[in-house]
């Protein structure tokens, strides 16, 4: 998986589905991903079960 670019050659942001149970870590990780990794956090799950449930309901998105 490489860096994706649009037709103009501009780098596209990375879309992230974050699974993290610690609120403190989430609160710091989301802005850090945006600042450092040019990432857009699409959704957040607080547990593995929550992640599986969310992914099952959003197939193909």
C-alpha atoms as a PDB file:
ATOM      1  CA  UNK A   1       0.000   0.000   0.000  1.00  0.00           C
ATOM      2  CA  UNK A   2       1.538   3.249  -1.127  1.00  0.00           C
ATOM      3  CA  UNK A   3       0.638   6.892  -0.743  1.00  0.00           C
ATOM      4  CA  UNK A   4      -2.491   7.718  -2.727  1.00  0.00           C
ATOM      5  CA  UNK A   5      -2.607  10.849  -4.856  1.00  0.00           C
ATOM      6  CA  UNK A   6      -5.387  12.562  -6.784  1.00  0.00           C
ATOM      7  CA  UNK A   7      -5.356  13.468 -10.496  1.00  0.00           C
ATOM      8  CA  UNK A   8      -3.334  16.616  -9.739  1.00  0.00           C
ATOM      9  CA  UNK A   9      -0.690  14.602  -7.888  1.00  0.00           C
ATOM     10  CA  UNK A  10      -1.706  15.920  -4.471  1.00  0.00           C
ATOM     11  CA  UNK A  11      -1.375  13.507  -1.566  1.00  0.00           C
ATOM     12  CA  UNK A  12      -4.722  12.272  -0.242  1.00  0.00           C
ATOM     13  CA  UNK A  13      -5.277  11.986   3.511  1.00  0.00           C
ATOM     14  CA  UNK A  14      -5.250   8.571   5.141  1.00  0.00           C
ATOM     15  CA  UNK A  15      -8.646   7.441   6.470  1.00  0.00           C
ATOM     16  CA  UNK A  16      -8.386   5.768   9.882  1.00  0.00           C
ATOM     17  CA  UNK A  17     -10.732   3.623  11.947  1.00  0.00           C
ATOM     18  CA  UNK A  18      -9.317   3.908  15.453  1.00  0.00           C
ATOM     19  CA  UNK A  19      -9.794   1.195  18.081  1.00  0.00           C
ATOM     20  CA  UNK A  20      -8.593   2.408  21.479  1.00  0.00           C
ATOM     21  CA  UNK A  21     -10.098   1.831  24.919  1.00  0.00           C
ATOM     22  CA  UNK A  22      -8.247   4.605  26.736  1.00  0.00           C
ATOM     23  CA  UNK A  23     -10.016   7.968  26.528  1.00  0.00           C
ATOM     24  CA  UNK A  24      -6.804   9.792  27.417  1.00  0.00           C
ATOM     25  CA  UNK A  25      -4.899   8.126  24.585  1.00  0.00           C
ATOM     26  CA  UNK A  26      -7.749   8.719  22.112  1.00  0.00           C
ATOM     27  CA  UNK A  27      -7.883  12.383  23.056  1.00  0.00           C
ATOM     28  CA  UNK A  28      -4.215  12.754  22.152  1.00  0.00           C
ATOM     29  CA  UNK A  29      -4.005  10.303  19.262  1.00  0.00           C
ATOM     30  CA  UNK A  30      -6.737  11.764  17.061  1.00  0.00           C
ATOM     31  CA  UNK A  31      -5.159  15.225  16.719  1.00  0.00           C
ATOM     32  CA  UNK A  32      -1.685  13.689  16.454  1.00  0.00           C
ATOM     33  CA  UNK A  33      -2.791  11.517  13.523  1.00  0.00           C
ATOM     34  CA  UNK A  34      -4.251  14.564  11.801  1.00  0.00           C
ATOM     35  CA  UNK A  35      -1.165  16.709  12.385  1.00  0.00           C
ATOM     36  CA  UNK A  36       1.608  14.203  11.829  1.00  0.00           C
ATOM     37  CA  UNK A  37       0.095  11.676   9.473  1.00  0.00           C
ATOM     38  CA  UNK A  38      -2.393  13.767   7.487  1.00  0.00           C
ATOM     39  CA  UNK A  39      -5.033  11.289   8.661  1.00  0.00           C
ATOM     40  CA  UNK A  40      -8.793  11.634   8.890  1.00  0.00           C
ATOM     41  CA  UNK A  41     -10.323   9.574  11.713  1.00  0.00           C
ATOM     42  CA  UNK A  42     -13.523   8.153  10.222  1.00  0.00           C
ATOM     43  CA  UNK A  43     -14.752   6.420  13.380  1.00  0.00           C
ATOM     44  CA  UNK A  44     -13.628   5.320  16.821  1.00  0.00           C
ATOM     45  CA  UNK A  45     -14.423   2.108  18.679  1.00  0.00           C
ATOM     46  CA  UNK A  46     -13.656   1.597  22.350  1.00  0.00           C
ATOM     47  CA  UNK A  47     -13.266  -2.181  22.116  1.00  0.00           C
ATOM     48  CA  UNK A  48     -12.640  -5.027  19.700  1.00  0.00           C
ATOM     49  CA  UNK A  49     -16.313  -5.987  19.874  1.00  0.00           C
ATOM     50  CA  UNK A  50     -17.352  -2.420  19.144  1.00  0.00           C
ATOM     51  CA  UNK A  51     -14.993  -2.339  16.172  1.00  0.00           C
ATOM     52  CA  UNK A  52     -16.389  -5.573  14.737  1.00  0.00           C
ATOM     53  CA  UNK A  53     -19.951  -4.306  15.207  1.00  0.00           C
ATOM     54  CA  UNK A  54     -19.194  -0.967  13.499  1.00  0.00           C
ATOM     55  CA  UNK A  55     -17.366  -2.606  10.609  1.00  0.00           C
ATOM     56  CA  UNK A  56     -20.188  -5.102  10.047  1.00  0.00           C
ATOM     57  CA  UNK A  57     -22.664  -2.245   9.769  1.00  0.00           C
ATOM     58  CA  UNK A  58     -20.521  -0.164   7.418  1.00  0.00           C
ATOM     59  CA  UNK A  59     -19.323  -2.641   4.799  1.00  0.00           C
ATOM     60  CA  UNK A  60     -17.947  -0.960   1.704  1.00  0.00           C
ATOM     61  CA  UNK A  61     -17.727   2.535   3.194  1.00  0.00           C
END
